[in-house]
Structures are given as structure tokens and as C-alpha cells.
Amino acid sequence: MSGRLLFGTALVVFAAAAGHVLTADVDRLLQVVPDDTFYYLEIARHLARTGRSTFDGLSTTNGYHPLWMAVLWGLATLIEDRMALLRAALGLSFVLHAGVALGVFYAVRRLADTGWGWTAAACWLINPLAFSIAITATEAELSALTVLGVLLAHLRLSAEYAKRRQPSTRQVLEYSAALGLLCLARTDGMVIAALGLSWLAAQSWRTGQALRWVVLRVLVAAAAAAAIMAPWWLFSLSQVGTVVQDSGAMKMLWASERYPAALARLDNVAATFAFFGRRCLTLMTVWNFSWASFTAFVMLLGAAPMVVLTRHARSPQACALRAVLTAMLALTLVYGWALVERQIWWLALPCLATMLVVFTSLPLALRAVPLSRAARWGAQTAMVVLAVTLLARWHVKGYRPYPWQPDVRHSQLAIERIVPASERVGVFNAGIPAFFGSRPVIALDGLVSHQARRHWQARRFDDYLARHRVGYIADEQGVMDKALRFSSGSLHLEELASFPLEGWPTGKRLLWRVTIPTHPAR
């Protein structure tokens, strides 16, 4: 009962914080909800109205994670009002966040006990970083939920292998289905799926299975996971003619331009480790760690996992730790090598991994210390009180990760008064302008425009503007400079207006009139 009381207390705090966000006015929401969320919502609205996967009505796209898009499509079929749709998506994200908390409870209860399970769930529910990620209303919560599903299935298989026996076909298929759902929730889940299938092969071989049976089992598991993903692949092929994701391909293209030499990417790998490590802990604790304090904190935090991995190497807890840490290491290396962008919702898995590592290893490590029931209850209560305190500190400090976004909305409405209604306006950061504007906005960054992505890859971005008669562009200078590096000819840009952007490095959003003298439309 004491653990449930802690979770119930955290749930009340969470509900109050979530209600505060859900009832905020539009400008306040725009300071905490990222532009990418509006990409999702605008595509979902097009899917609901026309059945076509498009952001701007001009080019189709598969530049999103399909499971979350399917959920938003369902909401968009029921809700036409834009602000109501935004608040519904936020509300659903909060519900999924609570669902992840319950998933954490089941995982930790299996590895420790019920009291620690409720404590871990409460701490996830109201942790400042985890709560901030829920506010983004992106795919992050669904991804975290499917990760927990994979972990629980992994532990079931591991228990069978620990007894030197093969799991049933049903258990293997459940594991494969969990991997497939993870890949639908976030396409980088394929990294974890590859690790899972490799682990399955290694464990089958270790328990004495003949090679042909090992291969057969892995092929069956891979086929089952592929069957889960097949509807998405078929839909993607029907819409854009490929299963390669537009947004991922564009981010890798930008990374290759920034780091053309392979060795140069090692710096980005190190920066990604810092992002998933130091930045993650900074946002979880609302404390600005120096490198010295971060190192000391990690050593302290890592003491309990090291005890488990060295002294209880064959325990379920050690199995869970190896799975979580290996997956995070692999994802960090892939992100560091292939991508340069970093978004707060990418920290969902590092945040979840940190929670799982702490609450998987700490209870087992504490078993060596004679603690009374009251002392254990006191320790669990202190952890939840600390989580509440951190959330309060986060709120008092004023969480505004995107202070410039209300200015983007206001400037877009002003731009519509300047640009003739017959002209097309292109935008790189197009989510908010398209969602709140009264005219169509052409997506230019290629993340959610398959045709634009192909022109970026061919370094003929200027041809895309000419082909689709984009006469005006509204955005900030940095992204325009990037686009010019991917153009084959010269663009004539005439600055018509400037709008302030609070908190943005350049401090302003620009409106240009575009002419393309060397590449007429074809």
C-alpha cells in the first residue's frame, strides 16, 4: 500500500502539471511544443481529409514515425478544429506518459519488488525531463512504451535461456512482434531489433542448438518482425515509392555535408555521448553539471550497476542492465555517426534507460545492507519527494525551450498580408506556419517533402523552387545559407521584411522575394 500511495501522490502532481499545460493559451503552448509536432499534425489532417500522405498538398512524404502518425490520423478524423486537435494530441501524449510509468512499474517489479516498482513509476511520471518530453507530443512516449515491451519480452526469453532450454515458438514470436512495434514507433528501433535478433541467435547457439536450427529460428523471428512492419512499408511505397524515410535521409545528408570525412565524425560521436549523458542528466536533475561534477555523479550513479554486473552477473537484473546499456551504446554510436541534429525528445530513451538502470540495480545492491521495512519506505519516499522538488524547481525556473515560436506564428500572419494571395510561400521550418496560417505553405527542408528531398540530394534545390513556382521564402538566415549550398545555380533574394524572433541566434525571421535567373522551371 505504501508504494501505491507514493505513486498516487505523484499522479496527482502530474495531473496538475499536465492540466496546467493543456489549458495554456496558444502563445504559451508554442513556447513548449516543438515545430516538429505541427509537422505531424498537419500531415495527419491531410491524411484524414484526403488519404494522401502530404504536408503541403504538393509533395507526398513518409518523413515521420508511422505508429504515432497512425494515432494522430485517428484523432484528426474525429477533430477538425486545429487547436482542439493540438490539445487532444497533448492530452494523449500525457496519457501515454502515464502508460510508460506503468510499464516501468511492471519492469522494476519483475526485477526488484512491488514497492520499488511503484517508486520507479512515480519518479518517471514527474521527472522534469520525462515530463518535458511528454509535452512535445511527438513519437517519444510511444517509443518508450514499445521499448519497455521489448525489455519485458527479452527478460522472458532470458529466463528460459538461463535454464539452458529453448523458449517456445510463441515466446519468440512475441519478442519479434515487440521488436516490430518498436520499429514502427521509431524507425531507429531497427538498431535495437538487429541487436535483439543477434542476441537470439547467440543464445540459441549457446544452448546447443544445431546451426541450421539457429538460422531457422532467427529467420522466423525476423519474418515475424517484418510482418508487423509490412503494412507501413507498403503504404510508404504507395505514397513515395520507397521505404527510405525522408526525414532520416535528409538528416544524414546534412551530416555528410558537415562531416564529409569519416574521421571528422568522431567529434560528433563524442558530442552525442555528451548529449545523451551530461545533457540528459542535466535536464533530469535541473542542475547544470560541469564536466567534473558530471564525472563524479556518473561514478556514484554507476556504483550499483557495477555491483550487479560483477557480483550478480547471471541474475535477471544483470541481464536487463546489459540489454539497456548495450542498446543505448549502439544508438549513441549510430546517432553520432549518422546525424548532427539533436532534439529534446531524442532523450526519451536515455532518460528511460537511466531510470531503469537506477531502479534495477539499486534495490539489488541494497540487499547487502540490512534495511528495515521502515528504512526502505523512507528511502523510497525520499526519492519521490526529490522528484516532486525537481519538478517544482523546473516549473519555477520557467520552462521555455522555444521562446521564438510565438513570433513565428505572428510573423506568418503578417507575411500573409504582404504576399499576394496568388503567390506561393516556401518555408524551411514549416510546421507552425502551415498549421496556423490561412494559406498553403510549401515545405522546403525535405524532411516532410519527398520531391524536395530528391532535389536536395541532387544539389538542385533551386530547381525545386522553380519547378513549383515558389516566389517567396520566409525563414531565418542560417537555414537559407544551408539551402544555397545545395543549389546548382544562383538564387536572387530580395529582402522584403524582417520580423523579430525572441531567443533565436540571429534574432529575426526574414521574408525574401525569390527569382531564379539561371534555372527556369521545367
Protein backbone atom coordinates (compact mmCIF):
# COMPACT_ATOMS: atom_id res chain seq x y z
CA MET A 1 0.00 0.00 0.00
CA SER A 2 2.86 2.42 0.75
CA GLY A 3 4.20 2.16 -2.80
CA ARG A 4 0.77 2.83 -4.26
CA LEU A 5 0.46 5.87 -2.01
CA LEU A 6 3.71 7.25 -3.41
CA PHE A 7 2.56 6.64 -6.96
CA GLY A 8 -0.85 8.16 -6.22
CA THR A 9 0.82 11.29 -4.85
CA ALA A 10 3.00 11.57 -7.94
CA LEU A 11 -0.06 11.02 -10.13
CA VAL A 12 -1.87 13.97 -8.51
CA VAL A 13 1.17 16.20 -9.05
CA PHE A 14 1.46 15.00 -12.65
CA ALA A 15 -2.24 15.59 -13.34
CA ALA A 16 -1.99 19.15 -12.01
CA ALA A 17 1.09 19.89 -14.13
CA ALA A 18 -0.47 18.32 -17.24
CA GLY A 19 -3.69 20.27 -16.72
CA HIS A 20 -1.69 23.49 -16.48
CA VAL A 21 -0.12 22.77 -19.88
CA LEU A 22 -3.35 21.66 -21.54
CA THR A 23 -5.21 24.84 -20.55
CA ALA A 24 -2.43 27.26 -21.55
CA ASP A 25 -3.07 29.79 -24.29
CA VAL A 26 -1.65 29.31 -27.76
CA ASP A 27 1.44 31.50 -27.33
CA ARG A 28 2.39 29.68 -24.14
CA LEU A 29 1.95 26.31 -25.87
CA LEU A 30 4.14 27.43 -28.73
CA GLN A 31 6.98 28.06 -26.31
CA VAL A 32 6.99 24.41 -25.17
CA VAL A 33 5.67 22.38 -28.13
CA PRO A 34 8.25 21.98 -30.95
CA ASP A 35 7.72 22.80 -34.62
CA ASP A 36 8.03 19.09 -35.47
CA THR A 37 4.77 18.39 -33.65
CA PHE A 38 2.95 20.59 -36.13
CA TYR A 39 4.53 18.67 -39.00
CA TYR A 40 2.82 15.59 -37.58
CA LEU A 41 -0.50 17.33 -37.05
CA GLU A 42 -0.62 18.91 -40.50
CA ILE A 43 0.17 15.60 -42.24
CA ALA A 44 -2.45 13.87 -40.08
CA ARG A 45 -5.02 16.47 -41.15
CA HIS A 46 -4.23 15.84 -44.82
CA LEU A 47 -4.44 12.07 -44.30
CA ALA A 48 -7.80 12.43 -42.61
CA ARG A 49 -9.20 14.68 -45.34
CA THR A 50 -7.71 13.16 -48.49
CA GLY A 51 -6.00 9.89 -47.59
CA ARG A 52 -2.79 11.33 -49.07
CA SER A 53 0.40 11.45 -47.02
CA THR A 54 1.39 15.06 -47.62
CA PHE A 55 2.32 18.06 -45.54
CA ASP A 56 1.71 20.86 -48.02
CA GLY A 57 -0.63 19.23 -50.55
CA LEU A 58 2.13 19.48 -53.16
CA SER A 59 4.56 16.66 -52.43
CA THR A 60 3.95 13.35 -50.68
CA THR A 61 6.14 12.26 -47.78
CA ASN A 62 6.98 9.41 -45.42
CA GLY A 63 9.07 11.66 -43.17
CA TYR A 64 7.61 10.61 -39.84
CA HIS A 65 7.41 7.67 -37.47
CA PRO A 66 4.37 5.67 -38.56
CA LEU A 67 2.85 4.44 -35.30
CA TRP A 68 2.43 7.92 -33.83
CA MET A 69 1.18 9.23 -37.18
CA ALA A 70 -1.45 6.48 -37.24
CA VAL A 71 -2.63 7.60 -33.80
CA LEU A 72 -2.78 11.26 -34.85
CA TRP A 73 -4.57 10.33 -38.06
CA GLY A 74 -7.24 8.73 -35.88
CA LEU A 75 -7.54 11.92 -33.84
CA ALA A 76 -7.67 14.08 -36.96
CA THR A 77 -10.56 12.05 -38.38
CA LEU A 78 -12.55 12.93 -35.26
CA ILE A 79 -11.40 16.50 -34.59
CA GLU A 80 -11.43 19.25 -37.22
CA ASP A 81 -10.62 22.27 -35.09
CA ARG A 82 -6.85 22.85 -35.11
CA MET A 83 -6.41 23.96 -31.52
CA ALA A 84 -8.66 21.17 -30.28
CA LEU A 85 -6.53 18.71 -32.27
CA LEU A 86 -3.34 20.11 -30.74
CA ARG A 87 -4.71 19.83 -27.21
CA ALA A 88 -6.02 16.33 -27.90
CA ALA A 89 -2.57 15.25 -29.12
CA LEU A 90 -1.01 16.73 -25.98
CA GLY A 91 -3.56 15.01 -23.78
CA LEU A 92 -2.91 11.67 -25.47
CA SER A 93 0.83 12.17 -25.04
CA PHE A 94 0.27 12.67 -21.30
CA VAL A 95 -1.86 9.50 -21.16
CA LEU A 96 0.91 7.56 -22.89
CA HIS A 97 3.40 9.06 -20.44
CA ALA A 98 1.35 7.59 -17.61
CA GLY A 99 1.28 4.32 -19.55
CA VAL A 100 5.08 4.34 -19.70
CA ALA A 101 5.10 4.85 -15.92
CA LEU A 102 3.02 1.68 -15.54
CA GLY A 103 5.40 -0.12 -17.90
CA VAL A 104 8.29 0.97 -15.69
CA PHE A 105 6.39 -0.40 -12.69
CA TYR A 106 5.96 -3.83 -14.28
CA ALA A 107 9.61 -3.97 -15.37
CA VAL A 108 11.02 -2.92 -11.99
CA ARG A 109 8.57 -5.09 -10.04
CA ARG A 110 9.85 -8.08 -12.00
CA LEU A 111 13.47 -7.16 -11.28
CA ALA A 112 13.11 -5.87 -7.70
CA ASP A 113 9.77 -5.81 -5.89
CA THR A 114 6.41 -4.05 -5.91
CA GLY A 115 7.50 -1.18 -3.65
CA TRP A 116 10.45 -0.27 -5.82
CA GLY A 117 8.26 -0.68 -8.89
CA TRP A 118 5.80 1.97 -7.69
CA THR A 119 8.69 4.24 -6.67
CA ALA A 120 10.29 3.99 -10.12
CA ALA A 121 6.94 4.64 -11.81
CA ALA A 122 6.34 7.72 -9.65
CA CYS A 123 9.82 9.11 -10.37
CA TRP A 124 9.36 8.64 -14.12
CA LEU A 125 5.93 10.24 -14.04
CA ILE A 126 7.12 13.56 -12.58
CA ASN A 127 10.76 13.71 -13.60
CA PRO A 128 11.34 17.13 -15.25
CA LEU A 129 12.95 15.72 -18.42
CA ALA A 130 10.41 12.93 -18.83
CA PHE A 131 7.57 15.42 -18.33
CA SER A 132 9.16 17.85 -20.81
CA ILE A 133 9.30 15.07 -23.40
CA ALA A 134 5.61 14.33 -22.86
CA ILE A 135 4.85 17.98 -23.65
CA THR A 136 6.38 17.62 -27.13
CA ALA A 137 3.51 15.34 -28.26
CA THR A 138 5.92 13.50 -30.55
CA GLU A 139 6.56 9.80 -31.04
CA ALA A 140 8.78 9.65 -27.93
CA GLU A 141 6.20 8.26 -25.48
CA LEU A 142 5.07 5.52 -27.86
CA SER A 143 8.71 4.66 -28.48
CA ALA A 144 9.41 4.40 -24.74
CA LEU A 145 6.35 2.21 -24.28
CA THR A 146 7.44 -0.20 -27.02
CA VAL A 147 10.99 -0.28 -25.60
CA LEU A 148 9.54 -1.49 -22.32
CA GLY A 149 7.56 -4.13 -24.20
CA VAL A 150 10.77 -5.36 -25.84
CA LEU A 151 12.56 -5.40 -22.47
CA LEU A 152 9.83 -7.47 -20.80
CA ALA A 153 9.81 -9.94 -23.71
CA HIS A 154 13.61 -10.05 -23.58
CA LEU A 155 13.52 -10.95 -19.88
CA ARG A 156 11.07 -13.79 -20.53
CA LEU A 157 13.34 -15.30 -23.17
CA SER A 158 16.39 -14.73 -21.00
CA ALA A 159 14.79 -16.67 -18.15
CA GLU A 160 14.36 -19.65 -20.46
CA TYR A 161 17.92 -19.48 -21.77
CA ALA A 162 19.24 -19.19 -18.19
CA LYS A 163 17.74 -22.66 -17.58
CA ARG A 164 19.60 -23.97 -20.65
CA ARG A 165 16.41 -24.58 -22.56
CA GLN A 166 14.89 -23.14 -25.69
CA PRO A 167 11.94 -20.74 -25.36
CA SER A 168 8.71 -21.69 -27.07
CA THR A 169 7.90 -20.52 -30.58
CA ARG A 170 5.14 -18.38 -29.10
CA GLN A 171 7.61 -16.57 -26.84
CA VAL A 172 9.94 -15.94 -29.77
CA LEU A 173 7.08 -14.58 -31.86
CA GLU A 174 6.01 -12.29 -29.02
CA TYR A 175 9.57 -10.98 -28.85
CA SER A 176 9.61 -10.46 -32.62
CA ALA A 177 6.28 -8.63 -32.55
CA ALA A 178 7.61 -6.33 -29.82
CA LEU A 179 10.66 -5.57 -31.99
CA GLY A 180 8.41 -4.85 -34.97
CA LEU A 181 6.25 -2.45 -32.98
CA LEU A 182 9.37 -0.71 -31.71
CA CYS A 183 10.49 -0.12 -35.31
CA LEU A 184 7.08 1.35 -36.15
CA ALA A 185 7.24 3.62 -33.11
CA ARG A 186 10.68 4.93 -34.10
CA THR A 187 12.48 3.76 -37.19
CA ASP A 188 15.83 3.79 -35.37
CA GLY A 189 14.34 0.89 -33.43
CA MET A 190 15.84 -1.22 -36.21
CA VAL A 191 19.17 -0.84 -34.40
CA ILE A 192 17.67 -2.46 -31.31
CA ALA A 193 15.89 -5.04 -33.47
CA ALA A 194 19.20 -6.03 -35.06
CA LEU A 195 20.75 -6.37 -31.60
CA GLY A 196 17.80 -8.44 -30.40
CA LEU A 197 17.95 -10.85 -33.31
CA SER A 198 21.71 -11.20 -32.88
CA TRP A 199 21.23 -11.95 -29.19
CA LEU A 200 18.56 -14.51 -30.06
CA ALA A 201 20.98 -16.27 -32.42
CA ALA A 202 23.81 -16.23 -29.87
CA GLN A 203 21.62 -17.61 -27.07
CA SER A 204 20.20 -20.36 -29.28
CA TRP A 205 23.71 -21.38 -30.29
CA ARG A 206 24.94 -21.29 -26.69
CA THR A 207 22.23 -23.71 -25.57
CA GLY A 208 23.48 -26.31 -28.02
CA GLN A 209 21.18 -25.93 -31.00
CA ALA A 210 22.43 -27.04 -34.41
CA LEU A 211 23.40 -24.23 -36.76
CA ARG A 212 20.51 -24.89 -39.15
CA TRP A 213 18.01 -24.59 -36.30
CA VAL A 214 19.63 -21.39 -35.08
CA VAL A 215 19.37 -19.90 -38.55
CA LEU A 216 15.79 -21.07 -38.95
CA ARG A 217 14.74 -19.60 -35.59
CA VAL A 218 16.30 -16.23 -36.38
CA LEU A 219 14.73 -16.17 -39.84
CA VAL A 220 11.31 -16.92 -38.36
CA ALA A 221 11.79 -14.17 -35.78
CA ALA A 222 12.93 -11.68 -38.42
CA ALA A 223 10.00 -12.59 -40.66
CA ALA A 224 7.55 -12.05 -37.80
CA ALA A 225 9.02 -8.62 -37.06
CA ALA A 226 8.93 -7.78 -40.78
CA ALA A 227 5.28 -8.83 -40.96
CA ILE A 228 4.47 -6.22 -38.30
CA MET A 229 6.27 -3.53 -40.33
CA ALA A 230 5.00 -4.67 -43.74
CA PRO A 231 1.81 -2.52 -43.79
CA TRP A 232 3.94 0.59 -43.26
CA TRP A 233 6.39 -0.41 -45.98
CA LEU A 234 3.54 -1.00 -48.42
CA PHE A 235 1.93 2.33 -47.54
CA SER A 236 5.26 4.14 -47.92
CA LEU A 237 5.85 2.52 -51.31
CA SER A 238 2.39 3.53 -52.48
CA GLN A 239 2.89 7.14 -51.39
CA VAL A 240 6.51 7.96 -52.24
CA GLY A 241 7.87 4.85 -53.99
CA THR A 242 10.45 3.97 -51.33
CA VAL A 243 10.72 2.78 -47.73
CA VAL A 244 13.67 5.11 -47.06
CA GLN A 245 12.39 7.73 -44.64
CA ASP A 246 12.52 11.31 -45.94
CA SER A 247 13.37 12.92 -42.59
CA GLY A 248 16.11 10.42 -41.74
CA ALA A 249 17.62 10.66 -45.23
CA MET A 250 17.72 14.47 -45.03
CA LYS A 251 19.38 14.46 -41.63
CA MET A 252 22.04 12.05 -42.87
CA LEU A 253 22.55 14.25 -45.94
CA TRP A 254 23.17 17.30 -43.74
CA ALA A 255 25.54 15.25 -41.58
CA SER A 256 27.53 14.15 -44.64
CA GLU A 257 27.83 17.78 -45.75
CA ARG A 258 29.03 18.91 -42.34
CA TYR A 259 31.37 15.93 -41.86
CA PRO A 260 32.50 14.81 -45.34
CA ALA A 261 35.44 12.84 -43.92
CA ALA A 262 34.68 9.77 -41.83
CA LEU A 263 37.25 10.61 -39.15
CA ALA A 264 35.68 14.02 -38.66
CA ARG A 265 32.53 12.31 -37.40
CA LEU A 266 34.31 11.05 -34.31
CA ASP A 267 33.92 14.52 -32.79
CA ASN A 268 30.20 14.28 -33.40
CA VAL A 269 30.11 10.83 -31.78
CA ALA A 270 31.74 12.34 -28.69
CA ALA A 271 29.25 15.23 -28.75
CA THR A 272 26.38 12.75 -28.97
CA PHE A 273 27.70 10.87 -25.95
CA ALA A 274 27.74 14.20 -24.10
CA PHE A 275 24.19 14.94 -25.24
CA PHE A 276 22.82 11.54 -24.20
CA GLY A 277 24.83 11.62 -20.98
CA ARG A 278 25.58 15.01 -19.50
CA ARG A 279 22.70 16.85 -21.18
CA CYS A 280 20.25 14.12 -20.22
CA LEU A 281 21.26 14.18 -16.55
CA THR A 282 21.27 17.98 -16.54
CA LEU A 283 17.64 18.08 -17.68
CA MET A 284 16.61 15.21 -15.40
CA THR A 285 18.01 16.90 -12.30
CA VAL A 286 17.55 20.58 -13.32
CA TRP A 287 21.21 21.02 -12.43
CA ASN A 288 23.90 22.42 -14.70
CA PHE A 289 26.66 19.82 -14.40
CA SER A 290 30.26 20.80 -15.06
CA TRP A 291 32.35 18.04 -16.59
CA ALA A 292 33.98 17.38 -13.21
CA SER A 293 30.68 17.15 -11.33
CA PHE A 294 29.15 15.08 -14.14
CA THR A 295 32.02 12.59 -13.96
CA ALA A 296 31.71 12.32 -10.19
CA PHE A 297 27.93 11.91 -10.41
CA VAL A 298 28.20 9.18 -13.05
CA MET A 299 30.76 7.30 -10.96
CA LEU A 300 28.39 7.47 -7.98
CA LEU A 301 25.41 6.51 -10.13
CA GLY A 302 27.35 3.67 -11.71
CA ALA A 303 28.41 2.04 -8.44
CA ALA A 304 25.23 -0.01 -8.00
CA PRO A 305 25.14 -1.27 -11.64
CA MET A 306 28.78 -2.30 -11.38
CA VAL A 307 28.00 -4.32 -8.25
CA VAL A 308 25.17 -6.09 -10.08
CA LEU A 309 27.17 -6.76 -13.25
CA THR A 310 30.20 -8.10 -11.38
CA ARG A 311 28.70 -9.92 -8.39
CA HIS A 312 25.36 -10.99 -9.87
CA ALA A 313 26.36 -11.46 -13.49
CA ARG A 314 23.80 -14.20 -14.19
CA SER A 315 20.87 -12.54 -12.44
CA PRO A 316 17.81 -11.17 -14.29
CA GLN A 317 18.90 -7.70 -13.13
CA ALA A 318 22.27 -8.07 -14.83
CA CYS A 319 20.55 -9.31 -17.98
CA ALA A 320 18.32 -6.23 -18.01
CA LEU A 321 21.27 -3.90 -17.41
CA ARG A 322 23.27 -5.44 -20.24
CA ALA A 323 20.31 -5.13 -22.60
CA VAL A 324 19.59 -1.50 -21.70
CA LEU A 325 23.22 -0.34 -21.73
CA THR A 326 24.07 -2.17 -24.97
CA ALA A 327 21.05 -0.70 -26.74
CA MET A 328 21.90 2.83 -25.59
CA LEU A 329 25.55 2.45 -26.58
CA ALA A 330 24.57 1.26 -30.06
CA LEU A 331 22.03 4.06 -30.55
CA THR A 332 24.52 6.67 -29.38
CA LEU A 333 27.13 5.45 -31.85
CA VAL A 334 24.62 5.39 -34.73
CA TYR A 335 23.27 8.85 -33.92
CA GLY A 336 26.77 10.27 -33.52
CA TRP A 337 27.99 8.80 -36.77
CA ALA A 338 24.96 9.50 -38.96
CA LEU A 339 23.22 12.61 -37.59
CA VAL A 340 24.11 16.10 -36.42
CA GLU A 341 20.75 17.36 -35.19
CA ARG A 342 19.71 16.79 -31.57
CA GLN A 343 16.22 17.22 -30.21
CA ILE A 344 14.96 17.02 -26.63
CA TRP A 345 12.55 14.16 -27.38
CA TRP A 346 15.51 12.06 -28.54
CA LEU A 347 16.40 11.94 -24.84
CA ALA A 348 13.34 9.81 -24.06
CA LEU A 349 15.33 6.58 -24.31
CA PRO A 350 18.41 7.83 -22.40
CA CYS A 351 16.09 9.13 -19.68
CA LEU A 352 14.20 5.84 -19.54
CA ALA A 353 17.48 3.91 -19.58
CA THR A 354 18.77 5.95 -16.63
CA MET A 355 15.61 5.22 -14.65
CA LEU A 356 15.78 1.51 -15.43
CA VAL A 357 19.48 1.28 -14.56
CA VAL A 358 18.97 3.02 -11.21
CA PHE A 359 15.87 1.12 -10.15
CA THR A 360 17.11 -2.23 -11.47
CA SER A 361 20.49 -2.11 -9.77
CA LEU A 362 19.92 -0.09 -6.60
CA PRO A 363 17.42 -2.47 -4.91
CA LEU A 364 19.67 -5.48 -5.58
CA ALA A 365 22.78 -3.65 -4.36
CA LEU A 366 20.94 -2.57 -1.19
CA ARG A 367 20.13 -6.16 -0.31
CA ALA A 368 23.66 -6.42 1.08
CA VAL A 369 22.73 -3.68 3.57
CA PRO A 370 20.37 -4.70 6.40
CA LEU A 371 17.50 -2.25 5.96
CA SER A 372 14.30 -2.38 7.95
CA ARG A 373 10.99 -2.06 6.19
CA ALA A 374 10.63 1.46 7.58
CA ALA A 375 14.07 2.44 6.32
CA ARG A 376 13.28 1.15 2.85
CA TRP A 377 9.97 3.02 2.87
CA GLY A 378 11.85 6.14 3.95
CA ALA A 379 14.34 5.78 1.09
CA GLN A 380 11.55 5.33 -1.45
CA THR A 381 9.63 8.29 -0.05
CA ALA A 382 12.75 10.46 -0.21
CA MET A 383 13.23 9.61 -3.89
CA VAL A 384 9.66 10.59 -4.75
CA VAL A 385 9.90 13.79 -2.67
CA LEU A 386 13.10 14.61 -4.55
CA ALA A 387 11.30 14.08 -7.88
CA VAL A 388 8.48 16.43 -6.79
CA THR A 389 11.05 19.01 -5.68
CA LEU A 390 12.87 18.83 -9.01
CA LEU A 391 9.62 19.28 -10.94
CA ALA A 392 8.76 22.29 -8.78
CA ARG A 393 12.20 23.78 -9.41
CA TRP A 394 11.78 23.13 -13.14
CA HIS A 395 8.46 24.99 -13.07
CA VAL A 396 9.81 27.92 -11.05
CA LYS A 397 12.75 28.35 -13.43
CA GLY A 398 10.26 28.72 -16.27
CA TYR A 399 10.48 26.11 -18.99
CA ARG A 400 10.57 27.86 -22.39
CA PRO A 401 12.69 25.84 -24.84
CA TYR A 402 11.24 27.59 -27.91
CA PRO A 403 10.70 31.27 -26.98
CA TRP A 404 10.82 32.33 -30.65
CA GLN A 405 7.90 30.19 -31.86
CA PRO A 406 5.07 32.59 -30.95
CA ASP A 407 6.93 35.17 -33.04
CA VAL A 408 6.98 32.70 -35.94
CA ARG A 409 3.19 32.42 -35.80
CA HIS A 410 2.67 36.18 -35.59
CA SER A 411 5.13 36.86 -38.40
CA GLN A 412 3.43 34.30 -40.65
CA LEU A 413 0.12 36.10 -40.26
CA ALA A 414 1.87 39.37 -41.14
CA ILE A 415 3.52 37.76 -44.18
CA GLU A 416 0.12 36.70 -45.48
CA ARG A 417 -0.83 40.39 -45.56
CA ILE A 418 2.27 41.24 -47.56
CA VAL A 419 2.44 38.42 -50.13
CA PRO A 420 -0.25 38.38 -52.84
CA ALA A 421 -2.75 35.54 -52.41
CA SER A 422 -1.81 34.12 -55.81
CA GLU A 423 1.84 33.61 -54.83
CA ARG A 424 3.40 30.58 -53.17
CA VAL A 425 5.41 30.98 -49.97
CA GLY A 426 8.07 28.41 -49.12
CA VAL A 427 9.28 27.78 -45.57
CA PHE A 428 12.02 25.52 -44.22
CA ASN A 429 10.78 25.34 -40.60
CA ALA A 430 7.23 24.96 -41.83
CA GLY A 431 5.24 23.26 -39.07
CA ILE A 432 3.87 26.31 -37.24
CA PRO A 433 3.41 28.49 -40.37
CA ALA A 434 1.38 25.77 -42.08
CA PHE A 435 -0.68 24.78 -39.06
CA PHE A 436 -1.64 28.31 -38.01
CA GLY A 437 -1.58 30.09 -41.35
CA SER A 438 -4.64 30.59 -43.53
CA ARG A 439 -2.81 29.87 -46.81
CA PRO A 440 -0.89 26.81 -48.06
CA VAL A 441 2.80 26.77 -47.11
CA ILE A 442 5.32 24.88 -49.25
CA ALA A 443 7.72 22.74 -47.19
CA LEU A 444 11.29 23.31 -48.36
CA ASP A 445 13.56 21.41 -45.97
CA GLY A 446 12.90 17.95 -47.42
CA LEU A 447 12.05 16.42 -44.05
CA VAL A 448 8.38 16.16 -45.00
CA SER A 449 8.55 16.62 -48.77
CA HIS A 450 9.78 13.72 -50.88
CA GLN A 451 10.24 15.81 -54.02
CA ALA A 452 12.16 18.47 -52.12
CA ARG A 453 14.37 15.80 -50.59
CA ARG A 454 15.29 14.44 -54.02
CA HIS A 455 16.26 17.95 -55.16
CA TRP A 456 18.38 18.49 -52.04
CA GLN A 457 20.20 15.20 -52.68
CA ALA A 458 20.81 16.19 -56.30
CA ARG A 459 22.05 19.61 -55.09
CA ARG A 460 19.43 21.29 -57.25
CA PHE A 461 17.35 22.95 -54.56
CA ASP A 462 16.88 25.99 -56.80
CA ASP A 463 15.23 23.75 -59.41
CA TYR A 464 12.66 22.72 -56.83
CA LEU A 465 11.72 26.36 -56.27
CA ALA A 466 11.44 26.97 -59.99
CA ARG A 467 9.53 23.78 -60.74
CA HIS A 468 6.87 24.60 -58.15
CA ARG A 469 6.83 28.36 -58.71
CA VAL A 470 7.85 29.34 -55.18
CA GLY A 471 8.20 33.10 -55.42
CA TYR A 472 8.71 33.92 -51.74
CA ILE A 473 10.60 32.33 -48.86
CA ALA A 474 10.10 33.11 -45.17
CA ASP A 475 12.61 31.85 -42.62
CA GLU A 476 15.84 32.65 -40.80
CA GLN A 477 19.20 33.30 -42.46
CA GLY A 478 21.04 30.18 -41.28
CA VAL A 479 18.75 27.67 -42.95
CA MET A 480 18.75 29.72 -46.16
CA ASP A 481 22.55 29.64 -46.20
CA LYS A 482 22.39 25.85 -45.92
CA ALA A 483 19.93 25.60 -48.81
CA LEU A 484 22.14 27.75 -51.03
CA ARG A 485 24.96 25.23 -50.58
CA PHE A 486 22.65 22.61 -52.09
CA SER A 487 21.72 24.70 -55.14
CA SER A 488 23.24 24.30 -58.57
CA GLY A 489 22.77 27.88 -59.71
CA SER A 490 22.31 31.31 -58.24
CA LEU A 491 19.24 32.50 -56.40
CA HIS A 492 18.36 36.17 -56.39
CA LEU A 493 16.93 37.02 -52.99
CA GLU A 494 15.35 40.38 -52.32
CA GLU A 495 14.68 41.01 -48.63
CA LEU A 496 11.19 42.45 -48.20
CA ALA A 497 10.57 42.35 -44.45
CA SER A 498 12.12 41.35 -41.15
CA PHE A 499 10.40 40.09 -38.02
CA PRO A 500 11.89 39.67 -34.51
CA LEU A 501 12.48 36.17 -33.10
CA GLU A 502 12.96 36.19 -29.34
CA GLY A 503 15.76 33.88 -28.29
CA TRP A 504 16.87 32.88 -31.79
CA PRO A 505 20.63 33.32 -32.52
CA THR A 506 20.09 35.75 -35.42
CA GLY A 507 17.15 37.39 -33.69
CA LYS A 508 14.98 37.73 -36.78
CA ARG A 509 12.89 35.98 -39.41
CA LEU A 510 13.11 37.26 -42.96
CA LEU A 511 10.82 37.40 -45.96
CA TRP A 512 12.51 37.21 -49.37
CA ARG A 513 11.23 37.55 -52.90
CA VAL A 514 12.92 34.85 -54.99
CA THR A 515 13.97 34.92 -58.65
CA ILE A 516 15.93 32.13 -60.34
CA PRO A 517 17.56 33.51 -63.47
CA THR A 518 19.74 30.55 -64.40
CA HIS A 519 17.29 27.68 -63.89
CA PRO A 520 13.83 28.36 -65.31
CA ALA A 521 11.01 26.00 -64.38
CA ARG A 522 10.88 22.82 -66.45
